Amino acid sequence: MKYNNVIDSIMDENCLDPVWLEDEKGKKHEYEQEALIPFDNKMYAIMVDVEAANAGDWENAGEVFLIDEVKQEVKLVKNVNTISTIFEIYDRLFDEKQDEE
């Protein structure tokens, strides 16, 4: 499916296409979307770095990004507290879904 921009593809929970994002140095990285997490009136995406996952580096493969639809920006979250909170919410939602099945 074609999207107008990377945010549209991330916000589509049915999108299975890889997402390419640039780091601060301009290097592009391929990601797969794992989850969208609303928190504190903001939207976050947990993305899996494909290269890290393929290398078996699962501890560093999952990254959290802030999705700003107004500014049309996707920013890597660096605040450890925010990252921990987003992963805690994800784990809780994942556990709840498993309990339903």
PDB file of N, CA and C in Angstrom:
ATOM      1  N   MET A   1       0.843  -1.179   0.000  1.00  0.00           N
ATOM      2  CA  MET A   1       0.000   0.000   0.000  1.00  0.00           C
ATOM      3  C   MET A   1       0.890   1.245   0.000  1.00  0.00           C
ATOM      4  N   LYS A   2       0.496   2.255  -0.739  1.00  0.00           N
ATOM      5  CA  LYS A   2       1.252   3.506  -0.820  1.00  0.00           C
ATOM      6  C   LYS A   2       0.761   4.471   0.256  1.00  0.00           C
ATOM      7  N   TYR A   3       1.704   5.127   0.888  1.00  0.00           N
ATOM      8  CA  TYR A   3       1.395   6.113   1.920  1.00  0.00           C
ATOM      9  C   TYR A   3       1.985   7.450   1.508  1.00  0.00           C
ATOM     10  N   ASN A   4       1.343   8.524   1.975  1.00  0.00           N
ATOM     11  CA  ASN A   4       1.824   9.866   1.660  1.00  0.00           C
ATOM     12  C   ASN A   4       3.126  10.187   2.381  1.00  0.00           C
ATOM     13  N   ASN A   5       3.314   9.607   3.570  1.00  0.00           N
ATOM     14  CA  ASN A   5       4.525   9.860   4.342  1.00  0.00           C
ATOM     15  C   ASN A   5       4.725   8.738   5.353  1.00  0.00           C
ATOM     16  N   VAL A   6       5.856   8.774   6.031  1.00  0.00           N
ATOM     17  CA  VAL A   6       6.197   7.705   6.965  1.00  0.00           C
ATOM     18  C   VAL A   6       5.231   7.664   8.144  1.00  0.00           C
ATOM     19  N   ILE A   7       4.717   8.803   8.564  1.00  0.00           N
ATOM     20  CA  ILE A   7       3.784   8.825   9.687  1.00  0.00           C
ATOM     21  C   ILE A   7       2.495   8.095   9.332  1.00  0.00           C
ATOM     22  N   ASP A   8       2.007   8.274   8.109  1.00  0.00           N
ATOM     23  CA  ASP A   8       0.799   7.557   7.684  1.00  0.00           C
ATOM     24  C   ASP A   8       1.004   6.049   7.756  1.00  0.00           C
ATOM     25  N   SER A   9       2.173   5.580   7.346  1.00  0.00           N
ATOM     26  CA  SER A   9       2.426   4.143   7.389  1.00  0.00           C
ATOM     27  C   SER A   9       2.544   3.645   8.826  1.00  0.00           C
ATOM     28  N   ILE A  10       3.173   4.426   9.692  1.00  0.00           N
ATOM     29  CA  ILE A  10       3.298   4.027  11.100  1.00  0.00           C
ATOM     30  C   ILE A  10       1.928   4.013  11.774  1.00  0.00           C
ATOM     31  N   MET A  11       1.091   4.977  11.478  1.00  0.00           N
ATOM     32  CA  MET A  11      -0.210   5.088  12.137  1.00  0.00           C
ATOM     33  C   MET A  11      -1.213   4.045  11.639  1.00  0.00           C
ATOM     34  N   ASP A  12      -0.937   3.407  10.520  1.00  0.00           N
ATOM     35  CA  ASP A  12      -1.802   2.351  10.003  1.00  0.00           C
ATOM     36  C   ASP A  12      -1.402   1.034  10.668  1.00  0.00           C
ATOM     37  N   GLU A  13      -2.201   0.588  11.611  1.00  0.00           N
ATOM     38  CA  GLU A  13      -1.855  -0.624  12.368  1.00  0.00           C
ATOM     39  C   GLU A  13      -1.822  -1.876  11.508  1.00  0.00           C
ATOM     40  N   ASN A  14      -2.373  -1.803  10.321  1.00  0.00           N
ATOM     41  CA  ASN A  14      -2.362  -2.950   9.411  1.00  0.00           C
ATOM     42  C   ASN A  14      -1.183  -2.921   8.436  1.00  0.00           C
ATOM     43  N   CYS A  15      -0.364  -1.885   8.509  1.00  0.00           N
ATOM     44  CA  CYS A  15       0.763  -1.757   7.584  1.00  0.00           C
ATOM     45  C   CYS A  15       1.857  -2.758   7.951  1.00  0.00           C
ATOM     46  N   LEU A  16       2.260  -3.533   6.977  1.00  0.00           N
ATOM     47  CA  LEU A  16       3.338  -4.496   7.173  1.00  0.00           C
ATOM     48  C   LEU A  16       4.607  -4.084   6.438  1.00  0.00           C
ATOM     49  N   ASP A  17       4.563  -2.930   5.778  1.00  0.00           N
ATOM     50  CA  ASP A  17       5.711  -2.434   5.032  1.00  0.00           C
ATOM     51  C   ASP A  17       6.810  -1.980   5.994  1.00  0.00           C
ATOM     52  N   PRO A  18       8.067  -2.156   5.614  1.00  0.00           N
ATOM     53  CA  PRO A  18       9.145  -1.630   6.453  1.00  0.00           C
ATOM     54  C   PRO A  18       9.108  -0.103   6.444  1.00  0.00           C
ATOM     55  N   VAL A  19       9.629   0.478   7.507  1.00  0.00           N
ATOM     56  CA  VAL A  19       9.702   1.934   7.641  1.00  0.00           C
ATOM     57  C   VAL A  19      11.178   2.312   7.670  1.00  0.00           C
ATOM     58  N   TRP A  20      11.542   3.298   6.873  1.00  0.00           N
ATOM     59  CA  TRP A  20      12.929   3.757   6.825  1.00  0.00           C
ATOM     60  C   TRP A  20      13.008   5.110   7.517  1.00  0.00           C
ATOM     61  N   LEU A  21      13.870   5.184   8.548  1.00  0.00           N
ATOM     62  CA  LEU A  21      14.051   6.423   9.295  1.00  0.00           C
ATOM     63  C   LEU A  21      15.532   6.772   9.326  1.00  0.00           C
ATOM     64  N   GLU A  22      15.829   8.083   9.310  1.00  0.00           N
ATOM     65  CA  GLU A  22      17.205   8.554   9.365  1.00  0.00           C
ATOM     66  C   GLU A  22      17.602   8.863  10.797  1.00  0.00           C
ATOM     67  N   ASP A  23      18.864   8.530  11.135  1.00  0.00           N
ATOM     68  CA  ASP A  23      19.383   8.915  12.441  1.00  0.00           C
ATOM     69  C   ASP A  23      19.952  10.333  12.351  1.00  0.00           C
ATOM     70  N   GLU A  24      20.556  10.803  13.462  1.00  0.00           N
ATOM     71  CA  GLU A  24      21.096  12.168  13.503  1.00  0.00           C
ATOM     72  C   GLU A  24      22.211  12.399  12.486  1.00  0.00           C
ATOM     73  N   LYS A  25      22.853  11.318  12.069  1.00  0.00           N
ATOM     74  CA  LYS A  25      23.960  11.428  11.118  1.00  0.00           C
ATOM     75  C   LYS A  25      23.506  11.281   9.671  1.00  0.00           C
ATOM     76  N   GLY A  26      22.206  11.107   9.465  1.00  0.00           N
ATOM     77  CA  GLY A  26      21.674  10.984   8.116  1.00  0.00           C
ATOM     78  C   GLY A  26      21.663   9.564   7.568  1.00  0.00           C
ATOM     79  N   LYS A  27      22.076   8.593   8.381  1.00  0.00           N
ATOM     80  CA  LYS A  27      22.072   7.198   7.941  1.00  0.00           C
ATOM     81  C   LYS A  27      20.660   6.634   8.076  1.00  0.00           C
ATOM     82  N   LYS A  28      20.207   5.947   7.017  1.00  0.00           N
ATOM     83  CA  LYS A  28      18.866   5.364   7.033  1.00  0.00           C
ATOM     84  C   LYS A  28      18.900   3.977   7.664  1.00  0.00           C
ATOM     85  N   HIS A  29      17.872   3.713   8.477  1.00  0.00           N
ATOM     86  CA  HIS A  29      17.720   2.427   9.143  1.00  0.00           C
ATOM     87  C   HIS A  29      16.343   1.865   8.818  1.00  0.00           C
ATOM     88  N   GLU A  30      16.294   0.561   8.623  1.00  0.00           N
ATOM     89  CA  GLU A  30      15.026  -0.113   8.338  1.00  0.00           C
ATOM     90  C   GLU A  30      14.413  -0.587   9.650  1.00  0.00           C
ATOM     91  N   TYR A  31      13.120  -0.288   9.822  1.00  0.00           N
ATOM     92  CA  TYR A  31      12.391  -0.681  11.026  1.00  0.00           C
ATOM     93  C   TYR A  31      11.113  -1.418  10.646  1.00  0.00           C
ATOM     94  N   GLU A  32      10.682  -2.256  11.570  1.00  0.00           N
ATOM     95  CA  GLU A  32       9.361  -2.859  11.499  1.00  0.00           C
ATOM     96  C   GLU A  32       8.591  -2.371  12.717  1.00  0.00           C
ATOM     97  N   GLN A  33       7.347  -2.004  12.484  1.00  0.00           N
ATOM     98  CA  GLN A  33       6.530  -1.493  13.572  1.00  0.00           C
ATOM     99  C   GLN A  33       6.054  -2.632  14.463  1.00  0.00           C
ATOM    100  N   GLU A  34       6.208  -2.449  15.760  1.00  0.00           N
ATOM    101  CA  GLU A  34       5.750  -3.435  16.733  1.00  0.00           C
ATOM    102  C   GLU A  34       4.443  -2.999  17.393  1.00  0.00           C
ATOM    103  N   ALA A  35       4.363  -1.721  17.782  1.00  0.00           N
ATOM    104  CA  ALA A  35       3.165  -1.264  18.490  1.00  0.00           C
ATOM    105  C   ALA A  35       3.063   0.252  18.473  1.00  0.00           C
ATOM    106  N   LEU A  36       1.830   0.721  18.584  1.00  0.00           N
ATOM    107  CA  LEU A  36       1.543   2.132  18.815  1.00  0.00           C
ATOM    108  C   LEU A  36       1.030   2.240  20.247  1.00  0.00           C
ATOM    109  N   ILE A  37       1.616   3.159  21.009  1.00  0.00           N
ATOM    110  CA  ILE A  37       1.271   3.301  22.417  1.00  0.00           C
ATOM    111  C   ILE A  37       0.908   4.757  22.707  1.00  0.00           C
ATOM    112  N   PRO A  38      -0.374   5.029  23.012  1.00  0.00           N
ATOM    113  CA  PRO A  38      -0.725   6.381  23.443  1.00  0.00           C
ATOM    114  C   PRO A  38      -0.336   6.548  24.912  1.00  0.00           C
ATOM    115  N   PHE A  39       0.298   7.663  25.225  1.00  0.00           N
ATOM    116  CA  PHE A  39       0.700   7.936  26.603  1.00  0.00           C
ATOM    117  C   PHE A  39       0.859   9.439  26.787  1.00  0.00           C
ATOM    118  N   ASP A  40       0.269   9.952  27.840  1.00  0.00           N
ATOM    119  CA  ASP A  40       0.432  11.355  28.224  1.00  0.00           C
ATOM    120  C   ASP A  40       0.071  12.301  27.071  1.00  0.00           C
ATOM    121  N   ASN A  41      -1.056  12.005  26.419  1.00  0.00           N
ATOM    122  CA  ASN A  41      -1.563  12.804  25.296  1.00  0.00           C
ATOM    123  C   ASN A  41      -0.609  12.867  24.106  1.00  0.00           C
ATOM    124  N   LYS A  42       0.257  11.862  23.989  1.00  0.00           N
ATOM    125  CA  LYS A  42       1.170  11.768  22.862  1.00  0.00           C
ATOM    126  C   LYS A  42       1.100  10.345  22.312  1.00  0.00           C
ATOM    127  N   MET A  43       1.597  10.174  21.091  1.00  0.00           N
ATOM    128  CA  MET A  43       1.609   8.852  20.476  1.00  0.00           C
ATOM    129  C   MET A  43       3.056   8.410  20.289  1.00  0.00           C
ATOM    130  N   TYR A  44       3.307   7.186  20.742  1.00  0.00           N
ATOM    131  CA  TYR A  44       4.640   6.598  20.624  1.00  0.00           C
ATOM    132  C   TYR A  44       4.545   5.329  19.791  1.00  0.00           C
ATOM    133  N   ALA A  45       5.627   5.035  19.096  1.00  0.00           N
ATOM    134  CA  ALA A  45       5.699   3.793  18.326  1.00  0.00           C
ATOM    135  C   ALA A  45       6.912   3.007  18.806  1.00  0.00           C
ATOM    136  N   ILE A  46       6.694   1.719  19.047  1.00  0.00           N
ATOM    137  CA  ILE A  46       7.816   0.824  19.301  1.00  0.00           C
ATOM    138  C   ILE A  46       8.170   0.231  17.952  1.00  0.00           C
ATOM    139  N   MET A  47       9.420   0.455  17.557  1.00  0.00           N
ATOM    140  CA  MET A  47       9.899   0.003  16.259  1.00  0.00           C
ATOM    141  C   MET A  47      11.077  -0.939  16.480  1.00  0.00           C
ATOM    142  N   VAL A  48      11.173  -1.954  15.630  1.00  0.00           N
ATOM    143  CA  VAL A  48      12.268  -2.918  15.716  1.00  0.00           C
ATOM    144  C   VAL A  48      13.260  -2.627  14.607  1.00  0.00           C
ATOM    145  N   ASP A  49      14.503  -2.363  15.000  1.00  0.00           N
ATOM    146  CA  ASP A  49      15.579  -2.135  14.046  1.00  0.00           C
ATOM    147  C   ASP A  49      15.906  -3.482  13.395  1.00  0.00           C
ATOM    148  N   VAL A  50      15.630  -3.604  12.108  1.00  0.00           N
ATOM    149  CA  VAL A  50      15.769  -4.866  11.397  1.00  0.00           C
ATOM    150  C   VAL A  50      17.208  -5.374  11.426  1.00  0.00           C
ATOM    151  N   GLU A  51      18.171  -4.485  11.239  1.00  0.00           N
ATOM    152  CA  GLU A  51      19.582  -4.899  11.232  1.00  0.00           C
ATOM    153  C   GLU A  51      19.983  -5.481  12.591  1.00  0.00           C
ATOM    154  N   ALA A  52      19.597  -4.813  13.681  1.00  0.00           N
ATOM    155  CA  ALA A  52      19.928  -5.313  15.024  1.00  0.00           C
ATOM    156  C   ALA A  52      19.238  -6.643  15.295  1.00  0.00           C
ATOM    157  N   ALA A  53      17.976  -6.753  14.882  1.00  0.00           N
ATOM    158  CA  ALA A  53      17.238  -8.006  15.089  1.00  0.00           C
ATOM    159  C   ALA A  53      17.870  -9.151  14.309  1.00  0.00           C
ATOM    160  N   ASN A  54      18.235  -8.895  13.073  1.00  0.00           N
ATOM    161  CA  ASN A  54      18.865  -9.934  12.249  1.00  0.00           C
ATOM    162  C   ASN A  54      20.220 -10.368  12.808  1.00  0.00           C
ATOM    163  N   ALA A  55      20.881  -9.466  13.526  1.00  0.00           N
ATOM    164  CA  ALA A  55      22.174  -9.791  14.137  1.00  0.00           C
ATOM    165  C   ALA A  55      21.994 -10.478  15.490  1.00  0.00           C
ATOM    166  N   GLY A  56      20.734 -10.636  15.919  1.00  0.00           N
ATOM    167  CA  GLY A  56      20.459 -11.282  17.198  1.00  0.00           C
ATOM    168  C   GLY A  56      20.607 -10.357  18.391  1.00  0.00           C
ATOM    169  N   ASP A  57      20.733  -9.060  18.155  1.00  0.00           N
ATOM    170  CA  ASP A  57      20.890  -8.072  19.219  1.00  0.00           C
ATOM    171  C   ASP A  57      19.519  -7.594  19.684  1.00  0.00           C
ATOM    172  N   TRP A  58      18.764  -8.504  20.287  1.00  0.00           N
ATOM    173  CA  TRP A  58      17.383  -8.193  20.666  1.00  0.00           C
ATOM    174  C   TRP A  58      17.295  -7.146  21.758  1.00  0.00           C
ATOM    175  N   GLU A  59      18.321  -7.039  22.582  1.00  0.00           N
ATOM    176  CA  GLU A  59      18.295  -6.059  23.672  1.00  0.00           C
ATOM    177  C   GLU A  59      18.271  -4.632  23.125  1.00  0.00           C
ATOM    178  N   ASN A  60      18.887  -4.416  21.973  1.00  0.00           N
ATOM    179  CA  ASN A  60      18.955  -3.077  21.385  1.00  0.00           C
ATOM    180  C   ASN A  60      18.084  -2.909  20.143  1.00  0.00           C
ATOM    181  N   ALA A  61      17.348  -3.942  19.772  1.00  0.00           N
ATOM    182  CA  ALA A  61      16.555  -3.875  18.537  1.00  0.00           C
ATOM    183  C   ALA A  61      15.310  -3.011  18.693  1.00  0.00           C
ATOM    184  N   GLY A  62      14.669  -3.059  19.844  1.00  0.00           N
ATOM    185  CA  GLY A  62      13.447  -2.287  20.053  1.00  0.00           C
ATOM    186  C   GLY A  62      13.756  -0.859  20.451  1.00  0.00           C
ATOM    187  N   GLU A  63      13.176   0.081  19.725  1.00  0.00           N
ATOM    188  CA  GLU A  63      13.376   1.493  20.011  1.00  0.00           C
ATOM    189  C   GLU A  63      12.025   2.189  20.071  1.00  0.00           C
ATOM    190  N   VAL A  64      11.974   3.273  20.830  1.00  0.00           N
ATOM    191  CA  VAL A  64      10.736   4.031  20.999  1.00  0.00           C
ATOM    192  C   VAL A  64      10.874   5.361  20.263  1.00  0.00           C
ATOM    193  N   PHE A  65       9.832   5.683  19.495  1.00  0.00           N
ATOM    194  CA  PHE A  65       9.794   6.936  18.748  1.00  0.00           C
ATOM    195  C   PHE A  65       8.547   7.720  19.114  1.00  0.00           C
ATOM    196  N   LEU A  66       8.693   9.023  19.228  1.00  0.00           N
ATOM    197  CA  LEU A  66       7.572   9.925  19.424  1.00  0.00           C
ATOM    198  C   LEU A  66       7.039  10.305  18.049  1.00  0.00           C
ATOM    199  N   ILE A  67       5.735  10.157  17.857  1.00  0.00           N
ATOM    200  CA  ILE A  67       5.096  10.507  16.588  1.00  0.00           C
ATOM    201  C   ILE A  67       4.401  11.861  16.763  1.00  0.00           C
ATOM    202  N   ASP A  68       4.852  12.859  16.056  1.00  0.00           N
ATOM    203  CA  ASP A  68       4.248  14.191  16.109  1.00  0.00           C
ATOM    204  C   ASP A  68       3.591  14.451  14.762  1.00  0.00           C
ATOM    205  N   GLU A  69       2.283  14.217  14.711  1.00  0.00           N
ATOM    206  CA  GLU A  69       1.554  14.382  13.450  1.00  0.00           C
ATOM    207  C   GLU A  69       1.446  15.845  13.032  1.00  0.00           C
ATOM    208  N   VAL A  70       1.413  16.757  13.991  1.00  0.00           N
ATOM    209  CA  VAL A  70       1.306  18.182  13.670  1.00  0.00           C
ATOM    210  C   VAL A  70       2.576  18.668  12.970  1.00  0.00           C
ATOM    211  N   LYS A  71       3.732  18.339  13.543  1.00  0.00           N
ATOM    212  CA  LYS A  71       5.008  18.759  12.957  1.00  0.00           C
ATOM    213  C   LYS A  71       5.493  17.799  11.880  1.00  0.00           C
ATOM    214  N   GLN A  72       4.769  16.682  11.708  1.00  0.00           N
ATOM    215  CA  GLN A  72       5.159  15.652  10.751  1.00  0.00           C
ATOM    216  C   GLN A  72       6.583  15.158  11.037  1.00  0.00           C
ATOM    217  N   GLU A  73       6.820  14.823  12.331  1.00  0.00           N
ATOM    218  CA  GLU A  73       8.131  14.361  12.758  1.00  0.00           C
ATOM    219  C   GLU A  73       8.026  13.023  13.476  1.00  0.00           C
ATOM    220  N   VAL A  74       9.056  12.225  13.316  1.00  0.00           N
ATOM    221  CA  VAL A  74       9.220  10.976  14.058  1.00  0.00           C
ATOM    222  C   VAL A  74      10.566  11.095  14.746  1.00  0.00           C
ATOM    223  N   LYS A  75      10.540  11.184  16.091  1.00  0.00           N
ATOM    224  CA  LYS A  75      11.780  11.430  16.836  1.00  0.00           C
ATOM    225  C   LYS A  75      12.088  10.256  17.758  1.00  0.00           C
ATOM    226  N   LEU A  76      13.344   9.834  17.737  1.00  0.00           N
ATOM    227  CA  LEU A  76      13.812   8.799  18.642  1.00  0.00           C
ATOM    228  C   LEU A  76      13.754   9.345  20.068  1.00  0.00           C
ATOM    229  N   VAL A  77      13.145   8.568  20.962  1.00  0.00           N
ATOM    230  CA  VAL A  77      13.054   8.963  22.367  1.00  0.00           C
ATOM    231  C   VAL A  77      14.332   8.522  23.062  1.00  0.00           C
ATOM    232  N   LYS A  78      14.945   9.439  23.793  1.00  0.00           N
ATOM    233  CA  LYS A  78      16.191   9.132  24.492  1.00  0.00           C
ATOM    234  C   LYS A  78      16.023   9.134  26.008  1.00  0.00           C
ATOM    235  N   ASN A  79      14.900   9.656  26.494  1.00  0.00           N
ATOM    236  CA  ASN A  79      14.653   9.712  27.924  1.00  0.00           C
ATOM    237  C   ASN A  79      14.365   8.311  28.448  1.00  0.00           C
ATOM    238  N   VAL A  80      15.230   7.828  29.321  1.00  0.00           N
ATOM    239  CA  VAL A  80      15.138   6.455  29.824  1.00  0.00           C
ATOM    240  C   VAL A  80      13.815   6.216  30.550  1.00  0.00           C
ATOM    241  N   ASN A  81      13.329   7.190  31.298  1.00  0.00           N
ATOM    242  CA  ASN A  81      12.071   7.024  32.022  1.00  0.00           C
ATOM    243  C   ASN A  81      10.901   6.856  31.059  1.00  0.00           C
ATOM    244  N   THR A  82      10.878   7.656  30.014  1.00  0.00           N
ATOM    245  CA  THR A  82       9.811   7.545  29.018  1.00  0.00           C
ATOM    246  C   THR A  82       9.882   6.202  28.307  1.00  0.00           C
ATOM    247  N   ILE A  83      11.078   5.797  27.921  1.00  0.00           N
ATOM    248  CA  ILE A  83      11.250   4.502  27.245  1.00  0.00           C
ATOM    249  C   ILE A  83      10.753   3.375  28.138  1.00  0.00           C
ATOM    250  N   SER A  84      11.145   3.391  29.402  1.00  0.00           N
ATOM    251  CA  SER A  84      10.716   2.350  30.349  1.00  0.00           C
ATOM    252  C   SER A  84       9.202   2.329  30.487  1.00  0.00           C
ATOM    253  N   THR A  85       8.596   3.496  30.584  1.00  0.00           N
ATOM    254  CA  THR A  85       7.141   3.584  30.724  1.00  0.00           C
ATOM    255  C   THR A  85       6.441   3.015  29.492  1.00  0.00           C
ATOM    256  N   ILE A  86       6.917   3.366  28.310  1.00  0.00           N
ATOM    257  CA  ILE A  86       6.295   2.880  27.080  1.00  0.00           C
ATOM    258  C   ILE A  86       6.402   1.361  26.995  1.00  0.00           C
ATOM    259  N   PHE A  87       7.562   0.800  27.330  1.00  0.00           N
ATOM    260  CA  PHE A  87       7.706  -0.656  27.297  1.00  0.00           C
ATOM    261  C   PHE A  87       6.866  -1.338  28.377  1.00  0.00           C
ATOM    262  N   GLU A  88       6.704  -0.700  29.538  1.00  0.00           N
ATOM    263  CA  GLU A  88       5.835  -1.257  30.585  1.00  0.00           C
ATOM    264  C   GLU A  88       4.385  -1.317  30.106  1.00  0.00           C
ATOM    265  N   ILE A  89       3.940  -0.248  29.458  1.00  0.00           N
ATOM    266  CA  ILE A  89       2.573  -0.227  28.914  1.00  0.00           C
ATOM    267  C   ILE A  89       2.424  -1.320  27.860  1.00  0.00           C
ATOM    268  N   TYR A  90       3.402  -1.427  26.987  1.00  0.00           N
ATOM    269  CA  TYR A  90       3.379  -2.462  25.942  1.00  0.00           C
ATOM    270  C   TYR A  90       3.300  -3.853  26.564  1.00  0.00           C
ATOM    271  N   ASP A  91       4.144  -4.122  27.553  1.00  0.00           N
ATOM    272  CA  ASP A  91       4.147  -5.438  28.207  1.00  0.00           C
ATOM    273  C   ASP A  91       2.795  -5.737  28.844  1.00  0.00           C
ATOM    274  N   ARG A  92       2.206  -4.739  29.500  1.00  0.00           N
ATOM    275  CA  ARG A  92       0.892  -4.923  30.132  1.00  0.00           C
ATOM    276  C   ARG A  92      -0.179  -5.224  29.076  1.00  0.00           C
ATOM    277  N   LEU A  93      -0.176  -4.468  27.983  1.00  0.00           N
ATOM    278  CA  LEU A  93      -1.156  -4.694  26.922  1.00  0.00           C
ATOM    279  C   LEU A  93      -0.954  -6.058  26.275  1.00  0.00           C
ATOM    280  N   PHE A  94       0.306  -6.459  26.086  1.00  0.00           N
ATOM    281  CA  PHE A  94       0.608  -7.763  25.500  1.00  0.00           C
ATOM    282  C   PHE A  94       0.099  -8.878  26.413  1.00  0.00           C
ATOM    283  N   ASP A  95       0.357  -8.745  27.716  1.00  0.00           N
ATOM    284  CA  ASP A  95      -0.106  -9.758  28.676  1.00  0.00           C
ATOM    285  C   ASP A  95      -1.628  -9.847  28.704  1.00  0.00           C
ATOM    286  N   GLU A  96      -2.311  -8.688  28.647  1.00  0.00           N
ATOM    287  CA  GLU A  96      -3.775  -8.678  28.642  1.00  0.00           C
ATOM    288  C   GLU A  96      -4.315  -9.384  27.405  1.00  0.00           C
ATOM    289  N   LYS A  97      -3.684  -9.147  26.265  1.00  0.00           N
ATOM    290  CA  LYS A  97      -4.130  -9.785  25.024  1.00  0.00           C
ATOM    291  C   LYS A  97      -3.922 -11.303  25.099  1.00  0.00           C
ATOM    292  N   GLN A  98      -2.797 -11.721  25.666  1.00  0.00           N
ATOM    293  CA  GLN A  98      -2.529 -13.164  25.814  1.00  0.00           C
ATOM    294  C   GLN A  98      -3.551 -13.819  26.728  1.00  0.00           C
ATOM    295  N   ASP A  99      -3.969 -13.114  27.789  1.00  0.00           N
ATOM    296  CA  ASP A  99      -4.961 -13.655  28.710  1.00  0.00           C
ATOM    297  C   ASP A  99      -6.325 -13.835  28.047  1.00  0.00           C
ATOM    298  N   GLU A 100      -6.616 -12.967  27.069  1.00  0.00           N
ATOM    299  CA  GLU A 100      -7.899 -13.042  26.354  1.00  0.00           C
ATOM    300  C   GLU A 100      -7.956 -14.251  25.426  1.00  0.00           C
ATOM    301  N   GLU A 101      -6.817 -14.696  24.947  1.00  0.00           N
ATOM    302  CA  GLU A 101      -6.779 -15.792  23.967  1.00  0.00           C
ATOM    303  C   GLU A 101      -6.849 -17.111  24.610  1.00  0.00           C
TER     304      GLU A 101
END
